[in-house]
Structures are given as structure tokens and as C-alpha cells.
PDB file of N, CA and C in Angstrom:
ATOM      1  N   MET A   1       0.848  -1.188   0.000  1.00  0.00           N
ATOM      2  CA  MET A   1       0.000   0.000   0.000  1.00  0.00           C
ATOM      3  C   MET A   1       0.885   1.240   0.000  1.00  0.00           C
ATOM      4  N   VAL A   2       0.499   2.206  -0.820  1.00  0.00           N
ATOM      5  CA  VAL A   2       1.198   3.490  -0.859  1.00  0.00           C
ATOM      6  C   VAL A   2       0.200   4.595  -0.519  1.00  0.00           C
ATOM      7  N   LYS A   3       0.711   5.641   0.149  1.00  0.00           N
ATOM      8  CA  LYS A   3      -0.146   6.750   0.580  1.00  0.00           C
ATOM      9  C   LYS A   3       0.557   8.069   0.318  1.00  0.00           C
ATOM     10  N   GLN A   4      -0.251   9.102   0.107  1.00  0.00           N
ATOM     11  CA  GLN A   4       0.304  10.456  -0.015  1.00  0.00           C
ATOM     12  C   GLN A   4      -0.763  11.472   0.346  1.00  0.00           C
ATOM     13  N   ASP A   5      -0.353  12.495   1.091  1.00  0.00           N
ATOM     14  CA  ASP A   5      -1.264  13.591   1.406  1.00  0.00           C
ATOM     15  C   ASP A   5      -1.400  14.490   0.188  1.00  0.00           C
ATOM     16  N   VAL A   6      -2.610  14.968  -0.047  1.00  0.00           N
ATOM     17  CA  VAL A   6      -2.859  15.892  -1.150  1.00  0.00           C
ATOM     18  C   VAL A   6      -3.955  16.865  -0.723  1.00  0.00           C
ATOM     19  N   LYS A   7      -3.775  18.120  -1.088  1.00  0.00           N
ATOM     20  CA  LYS A   7      -4.736  19.162  -0.721  1.00  0.00           C
ATOM     21  C   LYS A   7      -5.742  19.364  -1.853  1.00  0.00           C
ATOM     22  N   ILE A   8      -7.018  19.433  -1.496  1.00  0.00           N
ATOM     23  CA  ILE A   8      -8.080  19.692  -2.474  1.00  0.00           C
ATOM     24  C   ILE A   8      -8.055  21.192  -2.768  1.00  0.00           C
ATOM     25  N   SER A   9      -7.689  21.526  -4.004  1.00  0.00           N
ATOM     26  CA  SER A   9      -7.466  22.936  -4.328  1.00  0.00           C
ATOM     27  C   SER A   9      -8.606  23.594  -5.095  1.00  0.00           C
ATOM     28  N   ASN A  10      -9.489  22.801  -5.729  1.00  0.00           N
ATOM     29  CA  ASN A  10     -10.552  23.460  -6.491  1.00  0.00           C
ATOM     30  C   ASN A  10     -11.507  24.166  -5.534  1.00  0.00           C
ATOM     31  N   PRO A  11     -12.029  25.335  -5.910  1.00  0.00           N
ATOM     32  CA  PRO A  11     -12.764  26.206  -4.997  1.00  0.00           C
ATOM     33  C   PRO A  11     -14.035  25.613  -4.403  1.00  0.00           C
ATOM     34  N   THR A  12     -14.627  24.638  -5.045  1.00  0.00           N
ATOM     35  CA  THR A  12     -15.891  24.082  -4.540  1.00  0.00           C
ATOM     36  C   THR A  12     -15.713  22.777  -3.776  1.00  0.00           C
ATOM     37  N   GLY A  13     -14.488  22.312  -3.603  1.00  0.00           N
ATOM     38  CA  GLY A  13     -14.258  21.053  -2.914  1.00  0.00           C
ATOM     39  C   GLY A  13     -14.708  19.886  -3.780  1.00  0.00           C
ATOM     40  N   LEU A  14     -15.068  18.776  -3.135  1.00  0.00           N
ATOM     41  CA  LEU A  14     -15.489  17.582  -3.884  1.00  0.00           C
ATOM     42  C   LEU A  14     -17.012  17.537  -3.991  1.00  0.00           C
ATOM     43  N   HIS A  15     -17.594  18.477  -4.735  1.00  0.00           N
ATOM     44  CA  HIS A  15     -19.032  18.413  -5.004  1.00  0.00           C
ATOM     45  C   HIS A  15     -19.259  17.433  -6.152  1.00  0.00           C
ATOM     46  N   LEU A  16     -20.448  17.359  -6.687  1.00  0.00           N
ATOM     47  CA  LEU A  16     -20.820  16.287  -7.614  1.00  0.00           C
ATOM     48  C   LEU A  16     -19.902  16.131  -8.826  1.00  0.00           C
ATOM     49  N   ARG A  17     -19.643  17.189  -9.558  1.00  0.00           N
ATOM     50  CA  ARG A  17     -18.836  17.052 -10.784  1.00  0.00           C
ATOM     51  C   ARG A  17     -17.405  16.611 -10.485  1.00  0.00           C
ATOM     52  N   PRO A  18     -16.660  17.294  -9.578  1.00  0.00           N
ATOM     53  CA  PRO A  18     -15.299  16.827  -9.314  1.00  0.00           C
ATOM     54  C   PRO A  18     -15.263  15.454  -8.643  1.00  0.00           C
ATOM     55  N   ALA A  19     -16.280  15.130  -7.852  1.00  0.00           N
ATOM     56  CA  ALA A  19     -16.339  13.795  -7.246  1.00  0.00           C
ATOM     57  C   ALA A  19     -16.481  12.735  -8.336  1.00  0.00           C
ATOM     58  N   GLY A  20     -17.332  13.009  -9.304  1.00  0.00           N
ATOM     59  CA  GLY A  20     -17.503  12.102 -10.434  1.00  0.00           C
ATOM     60  C   GLY A  20     -16.231  11.985 -11.256  1.00  0.00           C
ATOM     61  N   ASN A  21     -15.553  13.112 -11.457  1.00  0.00           N
ATOM     62  CA  ASN A  21     -14.292  13.099 -12.199  1.00  0.00           C
ATOM     63  C   ASN A  21     -13.235  12.275 -11.470  1.00  0.00           C
ATOM     64  N   LEU A  22     -13.161  12.427 -10.148  1.00  0.00           N
ATOM     65  CA  LEU A  22     -12.204  11.653  -9.357  1.00  0.00           C
ATOM     66  C   LEU A  22     -12.510  10.158  -9.468  1.00  0.00           C
ATOM     67  N   CYS A  23     -13.775   9.799  -9.355  1.00  0.00           N
ATOM     68  CA  CYS A  23     -14.169   8.387  -9.458  1.00  0.00           C
ATOM     69  C   CYS A  23     -13.836   7.818 -10.830  1.00  0.00           C
ATOM     70  N   LYS A  24     -14.129   8.573 -11.863  1.00  0.00           N
ATOM     71  CA  LYS A  24     -13.853   8.122 -13.228  1.00  0.00           C
ATOM     72  C   LYS A  24     -12.360   7.874 -13.414  1.00  0.00           C
ATOM     73  N   GLU A  25     -11.544   8.765 -12.876  1.00  0.00           N
ATOM     74  CA  GLU A  25     -10.090   8.619 -12.981  1.00  0.00           C
ATOM     75  C   GLU A  25      -9.607   7.414 -12.157  1.00  0.00           C
ATOM     76  N   ALA A  26     -10.146   7.252 -10.943  1.00  0.00           N
ATOM     77  CA  ALA A  26      -9.742   6.141 -10.073  1.00  0.00           C
ATOM     78  C   ALA A  26     -10.122   4.785 -10.669  1.00  0.00           C
ATOM     79  N   MET A  27     -11.222   4.736 -11.407  1.00  0.00           N
ATOM     80  CA  MET A  27     -11.692   3.482 -12.000  1.00  0.00           C
ATOM     81  C   MET A  27     -10.760   2.967 -13.099  1.00  0.00           C
ATOM     82  N   LYS A  28      -9.867   3.811 -13.579  1.00  0.00           N
ATOM     83  CA  LYS A  28      -8.925   3.393 -14.620  1.00  0.00           C
ATOM     84  C   LYS A  28      -7.867   2.424 -14.087  1.00  0.00           C
ATOM     85  N   PHE A  29      -7.773   2.312 -12.770  1.00  0.00           N
ATOM     86  CA  PHE A  29      -6.728   1.497 -12.154  1.00  0.00           C
ATOM     87  C   PHE A  29      -7.316   0.255 -11.498  1.00  0.00           C
ATOM     88  N   LYS A  30      -6.519  -0.797 -11.460  1.00  0.00           N
ATOM     89  CA  LYS A  30      -6.971  -2.073 -10.895  1.00  0.00           C
ATOM     90  C   LYS A  30      -6.925  -2.084  -9.369  1.00  0.00           C
ATOM     91  N   CYS A  31      -6.032  -1.287  -8.789  1.00  0.00           N
ATOM     92  CA  CYS A  31      -5.848  -1.297  -7.340  1.00  0.00           C
ATOM     93  C   CYS A  31      -7.043  -0.677  -6.616  1.00  0.00           C
ATOM     94  N   LYS A  32      -7.117  -0.967  -5.333  1.00  0.00           N
ATOM     95  CA  LYS A  32      -8.123  -0.350  -4.468  1.00  0.00           C
ATOM     96  C   LYS A  32      -7.674   1.091  -4.201  1.00  0.00           C
ATOM     97  N   VAL A  33      -8.581   2.045  -4.373  1.00  0.00           N
ATOM     98  CA  VAL A  33      -8.241   3.458  -4.164  1.00  0.00           C
ATOM     99  C   VAL A  33      -9.201   4.036  -3.121  1.00  0.00           C
ATOM    100  N   THR A  34      -8.642   4.483  -2.016  1.00  0.00           N
ATOM    101  CA  THR A  34      -9.436   5.108  -0.953  1.00  0.00           C
ATOM    102  C   THR A  34      -8.737   6.400  -0.539  1.00  0.00           C
ATOM    103  N   PHE A  35      -9.422   7.190   0.275  1.00  0.00           N
ATOM    104  CA  PHE A  35      -8.736   8.321   0.893  1.00  0.00           C
ATOM    105  C   PHE A  35      -9.211   8.453   2.333  1.00  0.00           C
ATOM    106  N   GLU A  36      -8.295   8.928   3.168  1.00  0.00           N
ATOM    107  CA  GLU A  36      -8.571   9.145   4.581  1.00  0.00           C
ATOM    108  C   GLU A  36      -8.727  10.644   4.819  1.00  0.00           C
ATOM    109  N   TYR A  37      -9.642  10.978   5.712  1.00  0.00           N
ATOM    110  CA  TYR A  37      -9.904  12.388   6.016  1.00  0.00           C
ATOM    111  C   TYR A  37     -10.392  12.500   7.446  1.00  0.00           C
ATOM    112  N   ASP A  38     -10.292  13.688   8.012  1.00  0.00           N
ATOM    113  CA  ASP A  38     -10.756  13.945   9.391  1.00  0.00           C
ATOM    114  C   ASP A  38     -10.313  12.881  10.374  1.00  0.00           C
ATOM    115  N   GLY A  39      -9.037  12.590  10.388  1.00  0.00           N
ATOM    116  CA  GLY A  39      -8.536  11.611  11.348  1.00  0.00           C
ATOM    117  C   GLY A  39      -8.636  10.189  10.843  1.00  0.00           C
ATOM    118  N   ASP A  40      -9.657   9.454  11.305  1.00  0.00           N
ATOM    119  CA  ASP A  40      -9.719   8.029  10.971  1.00  0.00           C
ATOM    120  C   ASP A  40     -10.868   7.655  10.033  1.00  0.00           C
ATOM    121  N   ASN A  41     -11.474   8.626   9.375  1.00  0.00           N
ATOM    122  CA  ASN A  41     -12.538   8.334   8.402  1.00  0.00           C
ATOM    123  C   ASN A  41     -11.918   8.001   7.051  1.00  0.00           C
ATOM    124  N   SER A  42     -12.599   7.147   6.286  1.00  0.00           N
ATOM    125  CA  SER A  42     -12.104   6.844   4.947  1.00  0.00           C
ATOM    126  C   SER A  42     -13.262   6.736   3.969  1.00  0.00           C
ATOM    127  N   ALA A  43     -12.943   6.910   2.684  1.00  0.00           N
ATOM    128  CA  ALA A  43     -13.949   6.841   1.627  1.00  0.00           C
ATOM    129  C   ALA A  43     -13.366   6.080   0.445  1.00  0.00           C
ATOM    130  N   ASN A  44     -14.228   5.376  -0.269  1.00  0.00           N
ATOM    131  CA  ASN A  44     -13.848   4.665  -1.479  1.00  0.00           C
ATOM    132  C   ASN A  44     -13.822   5.663  -2.633  1.00  0.00           C
ATOM    133  N   ALA A  45     -12.649   5.897  -3.213  1.00  0.00           N
ATOM    134  CA  ALA A  45     -12.515   6.892  -4.276  1.00  0.00           C
ATOM    135  C   ALA A  45     -13.128   6.432  -5.596  1.00  0.00           C
ATOM    136  N   LYS A  46     -13.583   5.185  -5.663  1.00  0.00           N
ATOM    137  CA  LYS A  46     -14.235   4.679  -6.872  1.00  0.00           C
ATOM    138  C   LYS A  46     -15.756   4.733  -6.771  1.00  0.00           C
ATOM    139  N   SER A  47     -16.272   5.292  -5.678  1.00  0.00           N
ATOM    140  CA  SER A  47     -17.711   5.405  -5.453  1.00  0.00           C
ATOM    141  C   SER A  47     -18.101   6.873  -5.285  1.00  0.00           C
ATOM    142  N   VAL A  48     -18.917   7.375  -6.203  1.00  0.00           N
ATOM    143  CA  VAL A  48     -19.346   8.778  -6.124  1.00  0.00           C
ATOM    144  C   VAL A  48     -20.058   9.052  -4.796  1.00  0.00           C
ATOM    145  N   LEU A  49     -20.921   8.152  -4.378  1.00  0.00           N
ATOM    146  CA  LEU A  49     -21.651   8.361  -3.122  1.00  0.00           C
ATOM    147  C   LEU A  49     -20.715   8.404  -1.919  1.00  0.00           C
ATOM    148  N   SER A  50     -19.708   7.556  -1.928  1.00  0.00           N
ATOM    149  CA  SER A  50     -18.743   7.555  -0.834  1.00  0.00           C
ATOM    150  C   SER A  50     -17.947   8.857  -0.812  1.00  0.00           C
ATOM    151  N   VAL A  51     -17.521   9.331  -1.985  1.00  0.00           N
ATOM    152  CA  VAL A  51     -16.763  10.587  -2.077  1.00  0.00           C
ATOM    153  C   VAL A  51     -17.632  11.763  -1.641  1.00  0.00           C
ATOM    154  N   LEU A  52     -18.867  11.824  -2.128  1.00  0.00           N
ATOM    155  CA  LEU A  52     -19.770  12.911  -1.744  1.00  0.00           C
ATOM    156  C   LEU A  52     -20.075  12.875  -0.250  1.00  0.00           C
ATOM    157  N   GLY A  53     -20.229  11.681   0.296  1.00  0.00           N
ATOM    158  CA  GLY A  53     -20.528  11.521   1.716  1.00  0.00           C
ATOM    159  C   GLY A  53     -19.429  12.026   2.625  1.00  0.00           C
ATOM    160  N   ALA A  54     -18.221  12.126   2.095  1.00  0.00           N
ATOM    161  CA  ALA A  54     -17.100  12.615   2.901  1.00  0.00           C
ATOM    162  C   ALA A  54     -17.176  14.129   3.120  1.00  0.00           C
ATOM    163  N   CYS A  55     -17.947  14.836   2.283  1.00  0.00           N
ATOM    164  CA  CYS A  55     -18.124  16.293   2.402  1.00  0.00           C
ATOM    165  C   CYS A  55     -16.792  17.037   2.482  1.00  0.00           C
ATOM    166  N   ILE A  56     -15.931  16.786   1.515  1.00  0.00           N
ATOM    167  CA  ILE A  56     -14.605  17.408   1.497  1.00  0.00           C
ATOM    168  C   ILE A  56     -14.703  18.818   0.916  1.00  0.00           C
ATOM    169  N   LYS A  57     -14.262  19.785   1.690  1.00  0.00           N
ATOM    170  CA  LYS A  57     -14.290  21.194   1.289  1.00  0.00           C
ATOM    171  C   LYS A  57     -12.955  21.604   0.665  1.00  0.00           C
ATOM    172  N   SER A  58     -12.967  22.714  -0.039  1.00  0.00           N
ATOM    173  CA  SER A  58     -11.745  23.263  -0.611  1.00  0.00           C
ATOM    174  C   SER A  58     -10.745  23.566   0.503  1.00  0.00           C
ATOM    175  N   GLY A  59      -9.488  23.237   0.256  1.00  0.00           N
ATOM    176  CA  GLY A  59      -8.446  23.482   1.244  1.00  0.00           C
ATOM    177  C   GLY A  59      -8.201  22.321   2.186  1.00  0.00           C
ATOM    178  N   THR A  60      -9.053  21.303   2.146  1.00  0.00           N
ATOM    179  CA  THR A  60      -8.897  20.133   3.006  1.00  0.00           C
ATOM    180  C   THR A  60      -7.776  19.249   2.467  1.00  0.00           C
ATOM    181  N   THR A  61      -6.964  18.712   3.376  1.00  0.00           N
ATOM    182  CA  THR A  61      -5.932  17.764   2.984  1.00  0.00           C
ATOM    183  C   THR A  61      -6.445  16.354   3.258  1.00  0.00           C
ATOM    184  N   ILE A  62      -6.381  15.513   2.228  1.00  0.00           N
ATOM    185  CA  ILE A  62      -6.766  14.111   2.364  1.00  0.00           C
ATOM    186  C   ILE A  62      -5.522  13.254   2.164  1.00  0.00           C
ATOM    187  N   THR A  63      -5.576  12.012   2.645  1.00  0.00           N
ATOM    188  CA  THR A  63      -4.503  11.060   2.409  1.00  0.00           C
ATOM    189  C   THR A  63      -5.000  10.036   1.416  1.00  0.00           C
ATOM    190  N   LEU A  64      -4.472  10.098   0.215  1.00  0.00           N
ATOM    191  CA  LEU A  64      -4.861   9.175  -0.849  1.00  0.00           C
ATOM    192  C   LEU A  64      -4.112   7.868  -0.642  1.00  0.00           C
ATOM    193  N   CYS A  65      -4.825   6.740  -0.695  1.00  0.00           N
ATOM    194  CA  CYS A  65      -4.240   5.418  -0.443  1.00  0.00           C
ATOM    195  C   CYS A  65      -4.541   4.496  -1.624  1.00  0.00           C
ATOM    196  N   CYS A  66      -3.518   3.874  -2.158  1.00  0.00           N
ATOM    197  CA  CYS A  66      -3.684   2.923  -3.260  1.00  0.00           C
ATOM    198  C   CYS A  66      -3.067   1.600  -2.835  1.00  0.00           C
ATOM    199  N   ASP A  67      -3.789   0.508  -3.051  1.00  0.00           N
ATOM    200  CA  ASP A  67      -3.330  -0.807  -2.615  1.00  0.00           C
ATOM    201  C   ASP A  67      -3.630  -1.838  -3.694  1.00  0.00           C
ATOM    202  N   GLY A  68      -2.576  -2.384  -4.294  1.00  0.00           N
ATOM    203  CA  GLY A  68      -2.780  -3.419  -5.294  1.00  0.00           C
ATOM    204  C   GLY A  68      -1.764  -3.361  -6.414  1.00  0.00           C
ATOM    205  N   GLU A  69      -2.107  -4.026  -7.473  1.00  0.00           N
ATOM    206  CA  GLU A  69      -1.231  -4.276  -8.617  1.00  0.00           C
ATOM    207  C   GLU A  69      -0.552  -3.034  -9.200  1.00  0.00           C
ATOM    208  N   ASP A  70      -1.297  -1.983  -9.462  1.00  0.00           N
ATOM    209  CA  ASP A  70      -0.732  -0.787 -10.100  1.00  0.00           C
ATOM    210  C   ASP A  70      -0.742   0.427  -9.163  1.00  0.00           C
ATOM    211  N   GLU A  71      -0.509   0.172  -7.880  1.00  0.00           N
ATOM    212  CA  GLU A  71      -0.662   1.208  -6.858  1.00  0.00           C
ATOM    213  C   GLU A  71       0.245   2.424  -7.055  1.00  0.00           C
ATOM    214  N   GLU A  72       1.496   2.209  -7.431  1.00  0.00           N
ATOM    215  CA  GLU A  72       2.434   3.325  -7.594  1.00  0.00           C
ATOM    216  C   GLU A  72       1.991   4.259  -8.727  1.00  0.00           C
ATOM    217  N   ILE A  73       1.628   3.680  -9.849  1.00  0.00           N
ATOM    218  CA  ILE A  73       1.183   4.460 -11.001  1.00  0.00           C
ATOM    219  C   ILE A  73      -0.115   5.193 -10.666  1.00  0.00           C
ATOM    220  N   ALA A  74      -1.033   4.489 -10.009  1.00  0.00           N
ATOM    221  CA  ALA A  74      -2.321   5.078  -9.647  1.00  0.00           C
ATOM    222  C   ALA A  74      -2.133   6.262  -8.709  1.00  0.00           C
ATOM    223  N   LEU A  75      -1.319   6.096  -7.688  1.00  0.00           N
ATOM    224  CA  LEU A  75      -1.106   7.177  -6.719  1.00  0.00           C
ATOM    225  C   LEU A  75      -0.531   8.413  -7.405  1.00  0.00           C
ATOM    226  N   SER A  76       0.477   8.217  -8.219  1.00  0.00           N
ATOM    227  CA  SER A  76       1.108   9.332  -8.914  1.00  0.00           C
ATOM    228  C   SER A  76       0.109  10.055  -9.824  1.00  0.00           C
ATOM    229  N   ALA A  77      -0.646   9.295 -10.598  1.00  0.00           N
ATOM    230  CA  ALA A  77      -1.609   9.882 -11.532  1.00  0.00           C
ATOM    231  C   ALA A  77      -2.739  10.595 -10.804  1.00  0.00           C
ATOM    232  N   LEU A  78      -3.263   9.996  -9.744  1.00  0.00           N
ATOM    233  CA  LEU A  78      -4.395  10.592  -9.027  1.00  0.00           C
ATOM    234  C   LEU A  78      -3.986  11.840  -8.249  1.00  0.00           C
ATOM    235  N   VAL A  79      -2.802  11.836  -7.659  1.00  0.00           N
ATOM    236  CA  VAL A  79      -2.321  13.033  -6.958  1.00  0.00           C
ATOM    237  C   VAL A  79      -2.176  14.179  -7.962  1.00  0.00           C
ATOM    238  N   ALA A  80      -1.591  13.889  -9.116  1.00  0.00           N
ATOM    239  CA  ALA A  80      -1.435  14.930 -10.151  1.00  0.00           C
ATOM    240  C   ALA A  80      -2.799  15.435 -10.612  1.00  0.00           C
ATOM    241  N   TYR A  81      -3.760  14.541 -10.751  1.00  0.00           N
ATOM    242  CA  TYR A  81      -5.107  14.925 -11.203  1.00  0.00           C
ATOM    243  C   TYR A  81      -5.795  15.817 -10.164  1.00  0.00           C
ATOM    244  N   ILE A  82      -5.683  15.444  -8.902  1.00  0.00           N
ATOM    245  CA  ILE A  82      -6.289  16.251  -7.835  1.00  0.00           C
ATOM    246  C   ILE A  82      -5.618  17.618  -7.772  1.00  0.00           C
ATOM    247  N   GLU A  83      -4.294  17.648  -7.842  1.00  0.00           N
ATOM    248  CA  GLU A  83      -3.569  18.917  -7.771  1.00  0.00           C
ATOM    249  C   GLU A  83      -3.863  19.822  -8.965  1.00  0.00           C
ATOM    250  N   SER A  84      -4.251  19.219 -10.093  1.00  0.00           N
ATOM    251  CA  SER A  84      -4.576  20.023 -11.287  1.00  0.00           C
ATOM    252  C   SER A  84      -6.000  20.574 -11.246  1.00  0.00           C
ATOM    253  N   GLY A  85      -6.783  20.225 -10.226  1.00  0.00           N
ATOM    254  CA  GLY A  85      -8.114  20.781 -10.062  1.00  0.00           C
ATOM    255  C   GLY A  85      -9.261  19.859 -10.454  1.00  0.00           C
ATOM    256  N   LEU A  86      -8.988  18.592 -10.653  1.00  0.00           N
ATOM    257  CA  LEU A  86     -10.046  17.595 -10.941  1.00  0.00           C
ATOM    258  C   LEU A  86     -10.873  17.931 -12.182  1.00  0.00           C
ATOM    259  N   GLY A  87     -10.214  18.433 -13.193  1.00  0.00           N
ATOM    260  CA  GLY A  87     -10.900  18.706 -14.453  1.00  0.00           C
ATOM    261  C   GLY A  87     -11.760  19.954 -14.453  1.00  0.00           C
ATOM    262  N   GLU A  88     -11.598  20.806 -13.472  1.00  0.00           N
ATOM    263  CA  GLU A  88     -12.415  22.032 -13.419  1.00  0.00           C
ATOM    264  C   GLU A  88     -11.571  23.253 -13.705  1.00  0.00           C
TER     265      GLU A  88
END
């Protein structure tokens, strides 16, 4: 398992469109993709409902976690995608 902290930089946080974009990007990888927030809470980054349920606001730092076959590639790509603003 690999992990990295990343700050949500888009002004609206993880509302519906960026949450969907994150899920779509995470689904490209075979590994399990989750993120940790607010201490010990976690969400499945491949589930829009799970991402929306986390209520992540702009400026929040999450810990992205990838576990499985292509974890290194997935972590690098997803961190870059989040830092670029999730397609917004």
C-alpha cells in the first residue's frame, strides 16, 4: 500500500462534478483506491456516493491510499489529477 497527502485545491471542494471526475479517474486502475480524512474516516474513491458523503471542502488535505497491482502508477496519476483541479 502506498499513501500520499494531497490538498483539495478546487474552490468548490469535492461536489458532484469533481467527485464524479475523481471516481472516473480512479476506475482506470486495478488497485483499491481510498482516501482518509478527518482523522480516521475513509472513503472509497471509486464510489461517487462515498466521495460525496465525505463532504470534502476546498483546502482540506486528504490522504490518498492505493493498494494493489498498479498502486504506484495510480497514486502518482491521481495526486497529479487532484492537484490540477479535478478537471475544473
